C-alpha cells in the first residue's frame, strides 16, 4: 500500500487509484523478488569466501606437512648424534 505524506500525495494516490489490488500485488512481488536476488547475491559472495578460505587452509595444511617433515628429519639427525 502507498501512504500519502501530503494532501497532494493523497489526491494523487486516490485519483490514479494506486492502491488497487493488482498494483499492490505487483509491488509486493517485485519487492520480494528484489529481496530474493539480494539473498542469492549474498549467498554467492559467502560461497566465494568459503572457497577462498578452503584454498588458504589447503595451503596451510601443505605448509604444515612440510614443517612436520623437516622436524622429523631434524629429530632423526639429532638422535643419530647421540
PDB file of N, CA and C in Angstrom:
ATOM      1  N   UNK A   1       0.847  -1.181   0.000  1.00  0.00           N
ATOM      2  CA  UNK A   1       0.000   0.000   0.000  1.00  0.00           C
ATOM      3  C   UNK A   1       0.890   1.239   0.000  1.00  0.00           C
ATOM      4  N   UNK A   2       0.424   2.221  -0.718  1.00  0.00           N
ATOM      5  CA  UNK A   2       1.083   3.520  -0.695  1.00  0.00           C
ATOM      6  C   UNK A   2       0.335   4.411   0.286  1.00  0.00           C
ATOM      7  N   UNK A   3       1.103   5.136   1.097  1.00  0.00           N
ATOM      8  CA  UNK A   3       0.511   6.037   2.077  1.00  0.00           C
ATOM      9  C   UNK A   3       0.954   7.459   1.756  1.00  0.00           C
ATOM     10  N   UNK A   4       0.016   8.381   1.708  1.00  0.00           N
ATOM     11  CA  UNK A   4       0.373   9.757   1.348  1.00  0.00           C
ATOM     12  C   UNK A   4       1.094  10.470   2.486  1.00  0.00           C
ATOM     13  N   UNK A   5       1.977  11.353   2.103  1.00  0.00           N
ATOM     14  CA  UNK A   5       2.670  12.194   3.074  1.00  0.00           C
ATOM     15  C   UNK A   5       2.109  13.610   3.079  1.00  0.00           C
ATOM     16  N   UNK A   6       1.455  13.962   1.990  1.00  0.00           N
ATOM     17  CA  UNK A   6       0.902  15.320   1.856  1.00  0.00           C
ATOM     18  C   UNK A   6      -0.511  15.220   1.291  1.00  0.00           C
ATOM     19  N   UNK A   7      -1.262  16.293   1.378  1.00  0.00           N
ATOM     20  CA  UNK A   7      -2.589  16.296   0.743  1.00  0.00           C
ATOM     21  C   UNK A   7      -2.500  16.046  -0.765  1.00  0.00           C
ATOM     22  N   UNK A   8      -1.469  16.571  -1.396  1.00  0.00           N
ATOM     23  CA  UNK A   8      -1.288  16.346  -2.834  1.00  0.00           C
ATOM     24  C   UNK A   8      -1.035  14.867  -3.106  1.00  0.00           C
ATOM     25  N   UNK A   9      -0.234  14.247  -2.245  1.00  0.00           N
ATOM     26  CA  UNK A   9       0.021  12.826  -2.396  1.00  0.00           C
ATOM     27  C   UNK A   9      -1.248  12.014  -2.223  1.00  0.00           C
ATOM     28  N   UNK A  10      -2.071  12.398  -1.262  1.00  0.00           N
ATOM     29  CA  UNK A  10      -3.347  11.697  -1.041  1.00  0.00           C
ATOM     30  C   UNK A  10      -4.223  11.806  -2.273  1.00  0.00           C
ATOM     31  N   UNK A  11      -4.306  13.007  -2.826  1.00  0.00           N
ATOM     32  CA  UNK A  11      -5.109  13.229  -4.021  1.00  0.00           C
ATOM     33  C   UNK A  11      -4.585  12.368  -5.182  1.00  0.00           C
ATOM     34  N   UNK A  12      -3.268  12.349  -5.365  1.00  0.00           N
ATOM     35  CA  UNK A  12      -2.658  11.597  -6.466  1.00  0.00           C
ATOM     36  C   UNK A  12      -2.938  10.101  -6.322  1.00  0.00           C
ATOM     37  N   UNK A  13      -2.741   9.566  -5.112  1.00  0.00           N
ATOM     38  CA  UNK A  13      -2.981   8.132  -4.879  1.00  0.00           C
ATOM     39  C   UNK A  13      -4.433   7.777  -5.159  1.00  0.00           C
ATOM     40  N   UNK A  14      -5.338   8.618  -4.685  1.00  0.00           N
ATOM     41  CA  UNK A  14      -6.761   8.342  -4.902  1.00  0.00           C
ATOM     42  C   UNK A  14      -7.148   8.508  -6.363  1.00  0.00           C
ATOM     43  N   UNK A  15      -6.673   9.578  -6.981  1.00  0.00           N
ATOM     44  CA  UNK A  15      -7.050   9.887  -8.366  1.00  0.00           C
ATOM     45  C   UNK A  15      -6.545   8.804  -9.329  1.00  0.00           C
ATOM     46  N   UNK A  16      -5.302   8.370  -9.125  1.00  0.00           N
ATOM     47  CA  UNK A  16      -4.722   7.362 -10.021  1.00  0.00           C
ATOM     48  C   UNK A  16      -5.005   5.936  -9.547  1.00  0.00           C
ATOM     49  N   UNK A  17      -5.688   5.830  -8.428  1.00  0.00           N
ATOM     50  CA  UNK A  17      -6.029   4.526  -7.848  1.00  0.00           C
ATOM     51  C   UNK A  17      -4.781   3.629  -7.749  1.00  0.00           C
ATOM     52  N   UNK A  18      -3.784   4.181  -7.086  1.00  0.00           N
ATOM     53  CA  UNK A  18      -2.505   3.483  -6.989  1.00  0.00           C
ATOM     54  C   UNK A  18      -2.515   2.345  -5.964  1.00  0.00           C
ATOM     55  N   UNK A  19      -3.575   2.234  -5.190  1.00  0.00           N
ATOM     56  CA  UNK A  19      -3.668   1.149  -4.212  1.00  0.00           C
ATOM     57  C   UNK A  19      -4.641   0.057  -4.645  1.00  0.00           C
ATOM     58  N   UNK A  20      -4.800  -0.094  -5.975  1.00  0.00           N
ATOM     59  CA  UNK A  20      -5.611  -1.206  -6.481  1.00  0.00           C
ATOM     60  C   UNK A  20      -4.921  -2.521  -6.157  1.00  0.00           C
ATOM     61  N   UNK A  21      -5.705  -3.552  -5.930  1.00  0.00           N
ATOM     62  CA  UNK A  21      -5.161  -4.865  -5.546  1.00  0.00           C
ATOM     63  C   UNK A  21      -4.094  -5.378  -6.509  1.00  0.00           C
ATOM     64  N   UNK A  22      -4.312  -5.325  -7.834  1.00  0.00           N
ATOM     65  CA  UNK A  22      -3.260  -5.832  -8.735  1.00  0.00           C
ATOM     66  C   UNK A  22      -1.944  -5.049  -8.610  1.00  0.00           C
ATOM     67  N   UNK A  23      -2.056  -3.737  -8.410  1.00  0.00           N
ATOM     68  CA  UNK A  23      -0.837  -2.932  -8.263  1.00  0.00           C
ATOM     69  C   UNK A  23      -0.111  -3.273  -6.961  1.00  0.00           C
ATOM     70  N   UNK A  24      -0.880  -3.453  -5.901  1.00  0.00           N
ATOM     71  CA  UNK A  24      -0.275  -3.813  -4.616  1.00  0.00           C
ATOM     72  C   UNK A  24       0.425  -5.164  -4.739  1.00  0.00           C
ATOM     73  N   UNK A  25      -0.247  -6.141  -5.340  1.00  0.00           N
ATOM     74  CA  UNK A  25       0.356  -7.469  -5.520  1.00  0.00           C
ATOM     75  C   UNK A  25       1.642  -7.385  -6.347  1.00  0.00           C
ATOM     76  N   UNK A  26       1.584  -6.588  -7.399  1.00  0.00           N
ATOM     77  CA  UNK A  26       2.759  -6.428  -8.262  1.00  0.00           C
ATOM     78  C   UNK A  26       3.920  -5.810  -7.482  1.00  0.00           C
ATOM     79  N   UNK A  27       3.631  -4.772  -6.702  1.00  0.00           N
ATOM     80  CA  UNK A  27       4.697  -4.140  -5.910  1.00  0.00           C
ATOM     81  C   UNK A  27       5.256  -5.113  -4.883  1.00  0.00           C
ATOM     82  N   UNK A  28       4.382  -5.886  -4.237  1.00  0.00           N
ATOM     83  CA  UNK A  28       4.850  -6.874  -3.263  1.00  0.00           C
ATOM     84  C   UNK A  28       5.702  -7.947  -3.931  1.00  0.00           C
ATOM     85  N   UNK A  29       5.266  -8.394  -5.092  1.00  0.00           N
ATOM     86  CA  UNK A  29       6.014  -9.413  -5.829  1.00  0.00           C
ATOM     87  C   UNK A  29       7.396  -8.892  -6.227  1.00  0.00           C
ATOM     88  N   UNK A  30       7.455  -7.662  -6.723  1.00  0.00           N
ATOM     89  CA  UNK A  30       8.747  -7.067  -7.110  1.00  0.00           C
ATOM     90  C   UNK A  30       9.647  -6.886  -5.901  1.00  0.00           C
ATOM     91  N   UNK A  31       9.063  -6.471  -4.790  1.00  0.00           N
ATOM     92  CA  UNK A  31       9.841  -6.297  -3.568  1.00  0.00           C
ATOM     93  C   UNK A  31      10.398  -7.640  -3.088  1.00  0.00           C
ATOM     94  N   UNK A  32       9.560  -8.661  -3.120  1.00  0.00           N
ATOM     95  CA  UNK A  32      10.001  -9.996  -2.709  1.00  0.00           C
ATOM     96  C   UNK A  32      11.103 -10.495  -3.622  1.00  0.00           C
ATOM     97  N   UNK A  33      10.960 -10.285  -4.909  1.00  0.00           N
ATOM     98  CA  UNK A  33      11.976 -10.724  -5.870  1.00  0.00           C
ATOM     99  C   UNK A  33      13.303 -10.001  -5.626  1.00  0.00           C
ATOM    100  N   UNK A  34      13.231  -8.710  -5.325  1.00  0.00           N
ATOM    101  CA  UNK A  34      14.449  -7.947  -5.038  1.00  0.00           C
ATOM    102  C   UNK A  34      15.141  -8.508  -3.794  1.00  0.00           C
ATOM    103  N   UNK A  35      14.366  -8.866  -2.768  1.00  0.00           N
ATOM    104  CA  UNK A  35      14.942  -9.456  -1.563  1.00  0.00           C
ATOM    105  C   UNK A  35      15.584 -10.801  -1.878  1.00  0.00           C
ATOM    106  N   UNK A  36      14.911 -11.609  -2.694  1.00  0.00           N
ATOM    107  CA  UNK A  36      15.461 -12.909  -3.068  1.00  0.00           C
ATOM    108  C   UNK A  36      16.776 -12.761  -3.824  1.00  0.00           C
ATOM    109  N   UNK A  37      16.817 -11.808  -4.751  1.00  0.00           N
ATOM    110  CA  UNK A  37      18.049 -11.584  -5.515  1.00  0.00           C
ATOM    111  C   UNK A  37      19.179 -11.113  -4.605  1.00  0.00           C
ATOM    112  N   UNK A  38      18.858 -10.256  -3.638  1.00  0.00           N
ATOM    113  CA  UNK A  38      19.877  -9.797  -2.697  1.00  0.00           C
ATOM    114  C   UNK A  38      20.398 -10.966  -1.866  1.00  0.00           C
ATOM    115  N   UNK A  39      19.501 -11.854  -1.430  1.00  0.00           N
ATOM    116  CA  UNK A  39      19.928 -13.029  -0.669  1.00  0.00           C
ATOM    117  C   UNK A  39      20.793 -13.961  -1.517  1.00  0.00           C
ATOM    118  N   UNK A  40      20.410 -14.157  -2.771  1.00  0.00           N
ATOM    119  CA  UNK A  40      21.202 -15.003  -3.665  1.00  0.00           C
ATOM    120  C   UNK A  40      22.587 -14.409  -3.900  1.00  0.00           C
ATOM    121  N   UNK A  41      22.646 -13.092  -4.042  1.00  0.00           N
ATOM    122  CA  UNK A  41      23.931 -12.419  -4.231  1.00  0.00           C
ATOM    123  C   UNK A  41      24.803 -12.607  -2.988  1.00  0.00           C
ATOM    124  N   UNK A  42      24.204 -12.438  -1.816  1.00  0.00           N
ATOM    125  CA  UNK A  42      24.950 -12.610  -0.565  1.00  0.00           C
ATOM    126  C   UNK A  42      25.428 -14.059  -0.422  1.00  0.00           C
ATOM    127  N   UNK A  43      24.560 -14.996  -0.770  1.00  0.00           N
ATOM    128  CA  UNK A  43      24.924 -16.411  -0.723  1.00  0.00           C
ATOM    129  C   UNK A  43      26.098 -16.688  -1.656  1.00  0.00           C
ATOM    130  N   UNK A  44      26.052 -16.117  -2.843  1.00  0.00           N
ATOM    131  CA  UNK A  44      27.137 -16.292  -3.808  1.00  0.00           C
ATOM    132  C   UNK A  44      28.447 -15.735  -3.252  1.00  0.00           C
ATOM    133  N   UNK A  45      28.380 -14.575  -2.606  1.00  0.00           N
ATOM    134  CA  UNK A  45      29.575 -13.978  -2.005  1.00  0.00           C
ATOM    135  C   UNK A  45      30.116 -14.869  -0.893  1.00  0.00           C
ATOM    136  N   UNK A  46      29.221 -15.428  -0.080  1.00  0.00           N
ATOM    137  CA  UNK A  46      29.658 -16.301   1.004  1.00  0.00           C
ATOM    138  C   UNK A  46      30.310 -17.575   0.471  1.00  0.00           C
ATOM    139  N   UNK A  47      29.757 -18.122  -0.593  1.00  0.00           N
ATOM    140  CA  UNK A  47      30.348 -19.320  -1.202  1.00  0.00           C
ATOM    141  C   UNK A  47      31.753 -19.001  -1.712  1.00  0.00           C
ATOM    142  N   UNK A  48      31.917 -17.841  -2.340  1.00  0.00           N
ATOM    143  CA  UNK A  48      33.237 -17.450  -2.833  1.00  0.00           C
ATOM    144  C   UNK A  48      34.222 -17.292  -1.671  1.00  0.00           C
ATOM    145  N   UNK A  49      33.764 -16.692  -0.571  1.00  0.00           N
ATOM    146  CA  UNK A  49      34.631 -16.545   0.594  1.00  0.00           C
ATOM    147  C   UNK A  49      35.025 -17.907   1.176  1.00  0.00           C
ATOM    148  N   UNK A  50      34.067 -18.817   1.239  1.00  0.00           N
ATOM    149  CA  UNK A  50      34.366 -20.153   1.747  1.00  0.00           C
ATOM    150  C   UNK A  50      35.352 -20.889   0.850  1.00  0.00           C
ATOM    151  N   UNK A  51      35.192 -20.737  -0.454  1.00  0.00           N
ATOM    152  CA  UNK A  51      36.138 -21.359  -1.384  1.00  0.00           C
ATOM    153  C   UNK A  51      37.536 -20.788  -1.181  1.00  0.00           C
ATOM    154  N   UNK A  52      37.612 -19.486  -0.983  1.00  0.00           N
ATOM    155  CA  UNK A  52      38.899 -18.830  -0.749  1.00  0.00           C
ATOM    156  C   UNK A  52      39.521 -19.351   0.546  1.00  0.00           C
ATOM    157  N   UNK A  53      38.717 -19.421   1.609  1.00  0.00           N
ATOM    158  CA  UNK A  53      39.214 -19.925   2.891  1.00  0.00           C
ATOM    159  C   UNK A  53      39.664 -21.379   2.768  1.00  0.00           C
ATOM    160  N   UNK A  54      38.923 -22.167   2.017  1.00  0.00           N
ATOM    161  CA  UNK A  54      39.287 -23.565   1.809  1.00  0.00           C
ATOM    162  C   UNK A  54      40.634 -23.664   1.105  1.00  0.00           C
ATOM    163  N   UNK A  55      40.845 -22.823   0.118  1.00  0.00           N
ATOM    164  CA  UNK A  55      42.137 -22.799  -0.580  1.00  0.00           C
ATOM    165  C   UNK A  55      43.268 -22.410   0.351  1.00  0.00           C
ATOM    166  N   UNK A  56      43.028 -21.416   1.195  1.00  0.00           N
ATOM    167  CA  UNK A  56      44.052 -20.990   2.150  1.00  0.00           C
ATOM    168  C   UNK A  56      44.345 -22.088   3.164  1.00  0.00           C
ATOM    169  N   UNK A  57      43.296 -22.767   3.629  1.00  0.00           N
ATOM    170  CA  UNK A  57      43.501 -23.859   4.576  1.00  0.00           C
ATOM    171  C   UNK A  57      44.297 -24.988   3.935  1.00  0.00           C
ATOM    172  N   UNK A  58      44.041 -25.249   2.672  1.00  0.00           N
ATOM    173  CA  UNK A  58      44.783 -26.286   1.965  1.00  0.00           C
ATOM    174  C   UNK A  58      46.264 -25.928   1.886  1.00  0.00           C
ATOM    175  N   UNK A  59      46.546 -24.653   1.583  1.00  0.00           N
ATOM    176  CA  UNK A  59      47.944 -24.206   1.537  1.00  0.00           C
ATOM    177  C   UNK A  59      48.602 -24.321   2.910  1.00  0.00           C
ATOM    178  N   UNK A  60      47.861 -23.964   3.954  1.00  0.00           N
ATOM    179  CA  UNK A  60      48.401 -24.070   5.309  1.00  0.00           C
ATOM    180  C   UNK A  60      48.674 -25.523   5.689  1.00  0.00           C
ATOM    181  N   UNK A  61      47.777 -26.413   5.286  1.00  0.00           N
ATOM    182  CA  UNK A  61      47.988 -27.835   5.572  1.00  0.00           C
ATOM    183  C   UNK A  61      49.239 -28.342   4.859  1.00  0.00           C
ATOM    184  N   UNK A  62      49.438 -27.927   3.615  1.00  0.00           N
ATOM    185  CA  UNK A  62      50.638 -28.326   2.875  1.00  0.00           C
ATOM    186  C   UNK A  62      51.892 -27.815   3.579  1.00  0.00           C
ATOM    187  N   UNK A  63      51.824 -26.563   4.021  1.00  0.00           N
ATOM    188  CA  UNK A  63      52.971 -25.973   4.715  1.00  0.00           C
ATOM    189  C   UNK A  63      53.218 -26.698   6.039  1.00  0.00           C
ATOM    190  N   UNK A  64      52.150 -27.041   6.741  1.00  0.00           N
ATOM    191  CA  UNK A  64      52.294 -27.772   7.991  1.00  0.00           C
ATOM    192  C   UNK A  64      52.926 -29.143   7.755  1.00  0.00           C
ATOM    193  N   UNK A  65      52.526 -29.822   6.700  1.00  0.00           N
ATOM    194  CA  UNK A  65      53.124 -31.126   6.373  1.00  0.00           C
ATOM    195  C   UNK A  65      54.618 -30.982   6.088  1.00  0.00           C
ATOM    196  N   UNK A  66      54.975 -29.925   5.383  1.00  0.00           N
ATOM    197  CA  UNK A  66      56.391 -29.677   5.085  1.00  0.00           C
ATOM    198  C   UNK A  66      57.163 -29.430   6.372  1.00  0.00           C
ATOM    199  N   UNK A  67      56.601 -28.624   7.263  1.00  0.00           N
ATOM    200  CA  UNK A  67      57.271 -28.346   8.535  1.00  0.00           C
ATOM    201  C   UNK A  67      57.408 -29.600   9.384  1.00  0.00           C
ATOM    202  N   UNK A  68      56.383 -30.426   9.412  1.00  0.00           N
ATOM    203  CA  UNK A  68      56.451 -31.680  10.168  1.00  0.00           C
ATOM    204  C   UNK A  68      57.542 -32.598   9.611  1.00  0.00           C
ATOM    205  N   UNK A  69      57.649 -32.660   8.302  1.00  0.00           N
ATOM    206  CA  UNK A  69      58.697 -33.482   7.687  1.00  0.00           C
ATOM    207  C   UNK A  69      60.074 -32.945   8.063  1.00  0.00           C
ATOM    208  N   UNK A  70      60.239 -31.631   8.034  1.00  0.00           N
ATOM    209  CA  UNK A  70      61.521 -31.032   8.406  1.00  0.00           C
ATOM    210  C   UNK A  70      61.841 -31.327   9.871  1.00  0.00           C
ATOM    211  N   UNK A  71      60.844 -31.266  10.728  1.00  0.00           N
ATOM    212  CA  UNK A  71      61.063 -31.553  12.145  1.00  0.00           C
ATOM    213  C   UNK A  71      61.434 -33.019  12.355  1.00  0.00           C
ATOM    214  N   UNK A  72      60.766 -33.909  11.643  1.00  0.00           N
ATOM    215  CA  UNK A  72      61.096 -35.331  11.726  1.00  0.00           C
ATOM    216  C   UNK A  72      62.546 -35.572  11.303  1.00  0.00           C
ATOM    217  N   UNK A  73      62.915 -34.964  10.181  1.00  0.00           N
ATOM    218  CA  UNK A  73      64.286 -35.122   9.683  1.00  0.00           C
ATOM    219  C   UNK A  73      65.296 -34.582  10.696  1.00  0.00           C
ATOM    220  N   UNK A  74      64.970 -33.437  11.295  1.00  0.00           N
ATOM    221  CA  UNK A  74      65.858 -32.838  12.289  1.00  0.00           C
ATOM    222  C   UNK A  74      65.971 -33.730  13.521  1.00  0.00           C
ATOM    223  N   UNK A  75      64.864 -34.286  13.979  1.00  0.00           N
ATOM    224  CA  UNK A  75      64.875 -35.205  15.122  1.00  0.00           C
ATOM    225  C   UNK A  75      65.719 -36.440  14.821  1.00  0.00           C
ATOM    226  N   UNK A  76      65.579 -36.985  13.655  1.00  0.00           N
ATOM    227  CA  UNK A  76      66.383 -38.159  13.256  1.00  0.00           C
ATOM    228  C   UNK A  76      67.871 -37.819  13.295  1.00  0.00           C
ATOM    229  N   UNK A  77      68.199 -36.658  12.762  1.00  0.00           N
ATOM    230  CA  UNK A  77      69.589 -36.223  12.751  1.00  0.00           C
ATOM    231  C   UNK A  77      70.115 -36.055  14.166  1.00  0.00           C
ATOM    232  N   UNK A  78      69.342 -35.433  15.042  1.00  0.00           N
ATOM    233  CA  UNK A  78      69.768 -35.231  16.425  1.00  0.00           C
ATOM    234  C   UNK A  78      69.904 -36.563  17.170  1.00  0.00           C
ATOM    235  N   UNK A  79      68.989 -37.496  16.904  1.00  0.00           N
ATOM    236  CA  UNK A  79      69.054 -38.800  17.566  1.00  0.00           C
ATOM    237  C   UNK A  79      70.254 -39.618  17.095  1.00  0.00           C
ATOM    238  N   UNK A  80      70.666 -39.444  15.897  1.00  0.00           N
ATOM    239  CA  UNK A  80      71.828 -40.170  15.368  1.00  0.00           C
ATOM    240  C   UNK A  80      73.121 -39.685  16.049  1.00  0.00           C
ATOM    241  N   UNK A  81      73.173 -38.417  16.409  1.00  0.00           N
ATOM    242  CA  UNK A  81      74.370 -37.853  17.024  1.00  0.00           C
ATOM    243  C   UNK A  81      74.616 -38.451  18.412  1.00  0.00           C
ATOM    244  N   UNK A  82      73.567 -38.874  19.067  1.00  0.00           N
ATOM    245  CA  UNK A  82      73.719 -39.417  20.415  1.00  0.00           C
ATOM    246  C   UNK A  82      74.206 -40.794  20.304  1.00  0.00           C
TER     247      UNK A  82
END
